[in-house]
PDB file of N, CA and C in Angstrom:
ATOM      1  N   MET A   1       0.782  -1.133  -0.020  1.00  0.00           N
ATOM      2  CA  MET A   1      -0.042  -0.041   0.025  1.00  0.00           C
ATOM      3  C   MET A   1       0.910   1.224  -0.033  1.00  0.00           C
ATOM      4  N   THR A   2       0.506   2.186  -0.841  1.00  0.00           N
ATOM      5  CA  THR A   2       1.242   3.434  -0.940  1.00  0.00           C
ATOM      6  C   THR A   2       0.820   4.457   0.169  1.00  0.00           C
ATOM      7  N   THR A   3       1.802   5.258   0.662  1.00  0.00           N
ATOM      8  CA  THR A   3       1.426   6.256   1.660  1.00  0.00           C
ATOM      9  C   THR A   3       1.271   7.617   0.942  1.00  0.00           C
ATOM     10  N   ALA A   4       1.452   7.646  -0.335  1.00  0.00           N
ATOM     11  CA  ALA A   4       1.367   8.987  -1.086  1.00  0.00           C
ATOM     12  C   ALA A   4      -0.134   9.297  -1.112  1.00  0.00           C
ATOM     13  N   SER A   5      -0.356  10.612  -1.134  1.00  0.00           N
ATOM     14  CA  SER A   5      -1.745  11.044  -1.342  1.00  0.00           C
ATOM     15  C   SER A   5      -2.155  10.827  -2.777  1.00  0.00           C
ATOM     16  N   PRO A   6      -3.374  10.369  -2.968  1.00  0.00           N
ATOM     17  CA  PRO A   6      -3.863  10.024  -4.322  1.00  0.00           C
ATOM     18  C   PRO A   6      -4.101  11.360  -4.970  1.00  0.00           C
ATOM     19  N   ARG A   7      -3.959  11.350  -6.355  1.00  0.00           N
ATOM     20  CA  ARG A   7      -4.252  12.470  -7.249  1.00  0.00           C
ATOM     21  C   ARG A   7      -5.723  12.244  -7.524  1.00  0.00           C
ATOM     22  N   TRP A   8      -6.545  13.384  -7.338  1.00  0.00           N
ATOM     23  CA  TRP A   8      -8.050  13.231  -7.582  1.00  0.00           C
ATOM     24  C   TRP A   8      -8.434  13.887  -8.922  1.00  0.00           C
ATOM     25  N   PHE A   9      -9.348  13.215  -9.548  1.00  0.00           N
ATOM     26  CA  PHE A   9      -9.891  13.799 -10.801  1.00  0.00           C
ATOM     27  C   PHE A   9     -11.368  13.734 -10.834  1.00  0.00           C
ATOM     28  N   LYS A  10     -11.885  14.776 -11.528  1.00  0.00           N
ATOM     29  CA  LYS A  10     -13.386  14.885 -11.660  1.00  0.00           C
ATOM     30  C   LYS A  10     -13.825  14.458 -13.136  1.00  0.00           C
ATOM     31  N   SER A  11     -14.866  13.881 -13.177  1.00  0.00           N
ATOM     32  CA  SER A  11     -15.383  13.325 -14.389  1.00  0.00           C
ATOM     33  C   SER A  11     -15.412  14.432 -15.443  1.00  0.00           C
ATOM     34  N   SER A  12     -15.135  14.051 -16.732  1.00  0.00           N
ATOM     35  CA  SER A  12     -15.275  14.967 -17.843  1.00  0.00           C
ATOM     36  C   SER A  12     -16.795  15.378 -18.004  1.00  0.00           C
ATOM     37  N   TYR A  13     -17.646  14.552 -17.425  1.00  0.00           N
ATOM     38  CA  TYR A  13     -19.092  14.820 -17.642  1.00  0.00           C
ATOM     39  C   TYR A  13     -19.597  15.839 -16.637  1.00  0.00           C
ATOM     40  N   SER A  14     -18.841  16.143 -15.566  1.00  0.00           N
ATOM     41  CA  SER A  14     -19.182  17.032 -14.482  1.00  0.00           C
ATOM     42  C   SER A  14     -19.257  18.464 -15.064  1.00  0.00           C
ATOM     43  N   GLU A  15     -20.183  19.225 -14.644  1.00  0.00           N
ATOM     44  CA  GLU A  15     -20.348  20.620 -14.903  1.00  0.00           C
ATOM     45  C   GLU A  15     -20.111  21.347 -13.516  1.00  0.00           C
ATOM     46  N   ASN A  16     -20.379  22.599 -13.523  1.00  0.00           N
ATOM     47  CA  ASN A  16     -20.122  23.409 -12.390  1.00  0.00           C
ATOM     48  C   ASN A  16     -21.452  23.462 -11.525  1.00  0.00           C
ATOM     49  N   GLY A  17     -22.312  22.353 -11.512  1.00  0.00           N
ATOM     50  CA  GLY A  17     -23.450  22.340 -10.717  1.00  0.00           C
ATOM     51  C   GLY A  17     -23.266  22.039  -9.291  1.00  0.00           C
ATOM     52  N   GLY A  18     -22.075  21.622  -8.879  1.00  0.00           N
ATOM     53  CA  GLY A  18     -21.758  21.346  -7.457  1.00  0.00           C
ATOM     54  C   GLY A  18     -22.007  19.975  -7.001  1.00  0.00           C
ATOM     55  N   GLN A  19     -22.590  19.076  -7.809  1.00  0.00           N
ATOM     56  CA  GLN A  19     -22.835  17.685  -7.391  1.00  0.00           C
ATOM     57  C   GLN A  19     -21.910  16.751  -8.112  1.00  0.00           C
ATOM     58  N   CYS A  20     -20.644  16.770  -7.757  1.00  0.00           N
ATOM     59  CA  CYS A  20     -19.698  15.957  -8.464  1.00  0.00           C
ATOM     60  C   CYS A  20     -18.943  15.170  -7.436  1.00  0.00           C
ATOM     61  N   VAL A  21     -18.517  14.032  -7.955  1.00  0.00           N
ATOM     62  CA  VAL A  21     -17.472  13.158  -7.274  1.00  0.00           C
ATOM     63  C   VAL A  21     -16.239  13.186  -7.919  1.00  0.00           C
ATOM     64  N   GLU A  22     -15.141  12.893  -7.264  1.00  0.00           N
ATOM     65  CA  GLU A  22     -13.808  12.780  -7.668  1.00  0.00           C
ATOM     66  C   GLU A  22     -13.376  11.371  -7.466  1.00  0.00           C
ATOM     67  N   TRP A  23     -12.502  10.812  -8.341  1.00  0.00           N
ATOM     68  CA  TRP A  23     -11.845   9.522  -8.104  1.00  0.00           C
ATOM     69  C   TRP A  23     -10.392   9.538  -8.242  1.00  0.00           C
ATOM     70  N   ALA A  24      -9.691   8.560  -7.722  1.00  0.00           N
ATOM     71  CA  ALA A  24      -8.249   8.415  -7.828  1.00  0.00           C
ATOM     72  C   ALA A  24      -7.860   7.400  -8.754  1.00  0.00           C
ATOM     73  N   PRO A  25      -7.806   7.539 -10.158  1.00  0.00           N
ATOM     74  CA  PRO A  25      -7.466   6.496 -11.048  1.00  0.00           C
ATOM     75  C   PRO A  25      -6.171   5.743 -10.848  1.00  0.00           C
ATOM     76  N   GLU A  26      -5.118   6.517 -10.424  1.00  0.00           N
ATOM     77  CA  GLU A  26      -3.807   5.847 -10.302  1.00  0.00           C
ATOM     78  C   GLU A  26      -3.883   4.796  -9.184  1.00  0.00           C
ATOM     79  N   ARG A  27      -4.689   5.196  -8.168  1.00  0.00           N
ATOM     80  CA  ARG A  27      -4.803   4.146  -7.017  1.00  0.00           C
ATOM     81  C   ARG A  27      -5.527   2.988  -7.487  1.00  0.00           C
ATOM     82  N   ALA A  28      -6.597   3.161  -8.343  1.00  0.00           N
ATOM     83  CA  ALA A  28      -7.286   1.911  -8.889  1.00  0.00           C
ATOM     84  C   ALA A  28      -6.456   1.138  -9.684  1.00  0.00           C
ATOM     85  N   ALA A  29      -5.603   1.721 -10.573  1.00  0.00           N
ATOM     86  CA  ALA A  29      -4.726   0.961 -11.410  1.00  0.00           C
ATOM     87  C   ALA A  29      -3.667   0.327 -10.636  1.00  0.00           C
ATOM     88  N   ALA A  30      -3.204   0.803  -9.648  1.00  0.00           N
ATOM     89  CA  ALA A  30      -2.077   0.186  -8.805  1.00  0.00           C
ATOM     90  C   ALA A  30      -2.556  -0.880  -7.880  1.00  0.00           C
ATOM     91  N   THR A  31      -3.727  -0.694  -7.291  1.00  0.00           N
ATOM     92  CA  THR A  31      -4.216  -1.571  -6.148  1.00  0.00           C
ATOM     93  C   THR A  31      -5.593  -2.251  -6.420  1.00  0.00           C
ATOM     94  N   GLY A  32      -6.346  -1.808  -7.430  1.00  0.00           N
ATOM     95  CA  GLY A  32      -7.681  -2.271  -7.620  1.00  0.00           C
ATOM     96  C   GLY A  32      -8.582  -1.706  -6.596  1.00  0.00           C
ATOM     97  N   GLU A  33      -8.235  -0.764  -5.822  1.00  0.00           N
ATOM     98  CA  GLU A  33      -9.083  -0.041  -4.881  1.00  0.00           C
ATOM     99  C   GLU A  33      -9.549   1.298  -5.512  1.00  0.00           C
ATOM    100  N   PHE A  34     -10.959   1.265  -5.647  1.00  0.00           N
ATOM    101  CA  PHE A  34     -11.485   2.493  -6.260  1.00  0.00           C
ATOM    102  C   PHE A  34     -11.986   3.474  -5.122  1.00  0.00           C
ATOM    103  N   MET A  35     -11.288   4.549  -5.144  1.00  0.00           N
ATOM    104  CA  MET A  35     -11.663   5.557  -4.133  1.00  0.00           C
ATOM    105  C   MET A  35     -12.350   6.760  -4.762  1.00  0.00           C
ATOM    106  N   VAL A  36     -13.456   7.219  -3.999  1.00  0.00           N
ATOM    107  CA  VAL A  36     -14.211   8.346  -4.517  1.00  0.00           C
ATOM    108  C   VAL A  36     -14.521   9.225  -3.301  1.00  0.00           C
ATOM    109  N   ARG A  37     -14.667  10.550  -3.700  1.00  0.00           N
ATOM    110  CA  ARG A  37     -14.993  11.566  -2.565  1.00  0.00           C
ATOM    111  C   ARG A  37     -15.858  12.744  -3.188  1.00  0.00           C
ATOM    112  N   ASP A  38     -16.486  13.392  -2.296  1.00  0.00           N
ATOM    113  CA  ASP A  38     -17.277  14.579  -2.669  1.00  0.00           C
ATOM    114  C   ASP A  38     -16.347  15.770  -3.097  1.00  0.00           C
ATOM    115  N   SER A  39     -16.506  16.242  -4.352  1.00  0.00           N
ATOM    116  CA  SER A  39     -15.599  17.321  -4.770  1.00  0.00           C
ATOM    117  C   SER A  39     -15.796  18.524  -3.951  1.00  0.00           C
ATOM    118  N   LYS A  40     -16.862  18.828  -3.357  1.00  0.00           N
ATOM    119  CA  LYS A  40     -17.101  19.954  -2.601  1.00  0.00           C
ATOM    120  C   LYS A  40     -16.475  19.929  -1.249  1.00  0.00           C
ATOM    121  N   ASP A  41     -16.084  18.657  -0.794  1.00  0.00           N
ATOM    122  CA  ASP A  41     -15.500  18.541   0.522  1.00  0.00           C
ATOM    123  C   ASP A  41     -14.145  17.673   0.476  1.00  0.00           C
ATOM    124  N   PRO A  42     -13.101  18.233  -0.097  1.00  0.00           N
ATOM    125  CA  PRO A  42     -11.952  17.457  -0.383  1.00  0.00           C
ATOM    126  C   PRO A  42     -11.266  16.951   0.892  1.00  0.00           C
ATOM    127  N   GLU A  43     -11.446  17.623   1.928  1.00  0.00           N
ATOM    128  CA  GLU A  43     -10.920  17.053   3.309  1.00  0.00           C
ATOM    129  C   GLU A  43     -11.896  16.032   3.979  1.00  0.00           C
ATOM    130  N   GLY A  44     -13.088  15.821   3.391  1.00  0.00           N
ATOM    131  CA  GLY A  44     -14.055  14.933   4.060  1.00  0.00           C
ATOM    132  C   GLY A  44     -13.746  13.405   3.731  1.00  0.00           C
ATOM    133  N   PRO A  45     -14.736  12.671   4.009  1.00  0.00           N
ATOM    134  CA  PRO A  45     -14.508  11.153   3.897  1.00  0.00           C
ATOM    135  C   PRO A  45     -14.338  10.738   2.511  1.00  0.00           C
ATOM    136  N   VAL A  46     -13.562   9.649   2.461  1.00  0.00           N
ATOM    137  CA  VAL A  46     -13.314   8.913   1.195  1.00  0.00           C
ATOM    138  C   VAL A  46     -13.913   7.584   1.234  1.00  0.00           C
ATOM    139  N   LEU A  47     -14.653   7.181   0.239  1.00  0.00           N
ATOM    140  CA  LEU A  47     -15.229   5.823   0.171  1.00  0.00           C
ATOM    141  C   LEU A  47     -14.358   5.068  -0.756  1.00  0.00           C
ATOM    142  N   SER A  48     -14.130   3.764  -0.321  1.00  0.00           N
ATOM    143  CA  SER A  48     -13.174   2.765  -1.047  1.00  0.00           C
ATOM    144  C   SER A  48     -14.014   1.580  -1.329  1.00  0.00           C
ATOM    145  N   PHE A  49     -13.839   1.106  -2.579  1.00  0.00           N
ATOM    146  CA  PHE A  49     -14.460  -0.083  -3.058  1.00  0.00           C
ATOM    147  C   PHE A  49     -13.594  -1.051  -3.774  1.00  0.00           C
ATOM    148  N   PRO A  50     -13.744  -2.346  -3.577  1.00  0.00           N
ATOM    149  CA  PRO A  50     -12.941  -3.225  -4.521  1.00  0.00           C
ATOM    150  C   PRO A  50     -13.420  -3.112  -5.859  1.00  0.00           C
ATOM    151  N   ALA A  51     -12.496  -3.506  -6.800  1.00  0.00           N
ATOM    152  CA  ALA A  51     -12.877  -3.407  -8.190  1.00  0.00           C
ATOM    153  C   ALA A  51     -14.129  -3.864  -8.694  1.00  0.00           C
ATOM    154  N   ASP A  52     -14.424  -5.174  -8.303  1.00  0.00           N
ATOM    155  CA  ASP A  52     -15.559  -5.879  -8.724  1.00  0.00           C
ATOM    156  C   ASP A  52     -16.881  -5.257  -8.120  1.00  0.00           C
ATOM    157  N   SER A  53     -16.864  -4.680  -7.015  1.00  0.00           N
ATOM    158  CA  SER A  53     -17.989  -3.885  -6.475  1.00  0.00           C
ATOM    159  C   SER A  53     -18.281  -2.654  -7.227  1.00  0.00           C
ATOM    160  N   PHE A  54     -17.215  -1.899  -7.487  1.00  0.00           N
ATOM    161  CA  PHE A  54     -17.326  -0.628  -8.261  1.00  0.00           C
ATOM    162  C   PHE A  54     -17.737  -0.908  -9.651  1.00  0.00           C
ATOM    163  N   THR A  55     -17.221  -1.909 -10.263  1.00  0.00           N
ATOM    164  CA  THR A  55     -17.707  -2.205 -11.647  1.00  0.00           C
ATOM    165  C   THR A  55     -19.211  -2.536 -11.684  1.00  0.00           C
ATOM    166  N   GLY A  56     -19.697  -3.301 -10.701  1.00  0.00           N
ATOM    167  CA  GLY A  56     -21.082  -3.649 -10.602  1.00  0.00           C
ATOM    168  C   GLY A  56     -21.975  -2.415 -10.412  1.00  0.00           C
ATOM    169  N   PHE A  57     -21.433  -1.495  -9.564  1.00  0.00           N
ATOM    170  CA  PHE A  57     -22.103  -0.208  -9.366  1.00  0.00           C
ATOM    171  C   PHE A  57     -22.216   0.552 -10.563  1.00  0.00           C
ATOM    172  N   ILE A  58     -21.149   0.716 -11.414  1.00  0.00           N
ATOM    173  CA  ILE A  58     -21.146   1.475 -12.652  1.00  0.00           C
ATOM    174  C   ILE A  58     -22.125   0.742 -13.647  1.00  0.00           C
ATOM    175  N   ALA A  59     -22.147  -0.595 -13.645  1.00  0.00           N
ATOM    176  CA  ALA A  59     -23.119  -1.344 -14.539  1.00  0.00           C
ATOM    177  C   ALA A  59     -24.498  -0.975 -14.139  1.00  0.00           C
ATOM    178  N   GLY A  60     -24.850  -0.851 -12.846  1.00  0.00           N
ATOM    179  CA  GLY A  60     -26.137  -0.520 -12.355  1.00  0.00           C
ATOM    180  C   GLY A  60     -26.558   0.772 -12.816  1.00  0.00           C
ATOM    181  N   ILE A  61     -25.672   1.769 -12.662  1.00  0.00           N
ATOM    182  CA  ILE A  61     -25.980   3.096 -13.159  1.00  0.00           C
ATOM    183  C   ILE A  61     -26.296   3.149 -14.635  1.00  0.00           C
ATOM    184  N   LYS A  62     -25.528   2.472 -15.337  1.00  0.00           N
ATOM    185  CA  LYS A  62     -25.717   2.548 -16.848  1.00  0.00           C
ATOM    186  C   LYS A  62     -27.030   1.804 -17.180  1.00  0.00           C
ATOM    187  N   ALA A  63     -27.434   0.829 -16.360  1.00  0.00           N
ATOM    188  CA  ALA A  63     -28.776   0.090 -16.664  1.00  0.00           C
ATOM    189  C   ALA A  63     -29.898   0.751 -15.973  1.00  0.00           C
ATOM    190  N   ASP A  64     -29.639   2.002 -15.473  1.00  0.00           N
ATOM    191  CA  ASP A  64     -30.736   2.719 -14.820  1.00  0.00           C
ATOM    192  C   ASP A  64     -31.456   2.027 -13.746  1.00  0.00           C
ATOM    193  N   GLU A  65     -30.721   1.335 -12.842  1.00  0.00           N
ATOM    194  CA  GLU A  65     -31.332   0.555 -11.753  1.00  0.00           C
ATOM    195  C   GLU A  65     -31.459   1.237 -10.464  1.00  0.00           C
ATOM    196  N   PHE A  66     -31.049   2.560 -10.458  1.00  0.00           N
ATOM    197  CA  PHE A  66     -31.140   3.320  -9.194  1.00  0.00           C
ATOM    198  C   PHE A  66     -32.119   4.475  -9.408  1.00  0.00           C
ATOM    199  N   PRO A  67     -33.063   4.580  -8.412  1.00  0.00           N
ATOM    200  CA  PRO A  67     -34.032   5.822  -8.651  1.00  0.00           C
ATOM    201  C   PRO A  67     -33.319   7.183  -8.518  1.00  0.00           C
ATOM    202  N   THR A  68     -33.805   8.117  -9.025  1.00  0.00           N
ATOM    203  CA  THR A  68     -33.300   9.532  -9.036  1.00  0.00           C
ATOM    204  C   THR A  68     -34.053  10.154  -7.764  1.00  0.00           C
ATOM    205  N   LEU A  69     -33.259  10.966  -7.089  1.00  0.00           N
ATOM    206  CA  LEU A  69     -33.923  11.576  -5.990  1.00  0.00           C
ATOM    207  C   LEU A  69     -34.479  12.973  -6.361  1.00  0.00           C
TER     208      LEU A  69
END
């Protein structure tokens, strides 16, 4: 496990609406750990998911399996 701070990136689909998440792609590539955080709160909590769980989550989003709030 690396002790370096991850480099965070926002999706190219994000606009300035304020409801964006960031992820750390280098960490995902190196460890298989997908880390995401709220772009409005960079010092706040980070969620971490194993690759298979995150892949399933993205597939669910693409299949419109989650209700919109």
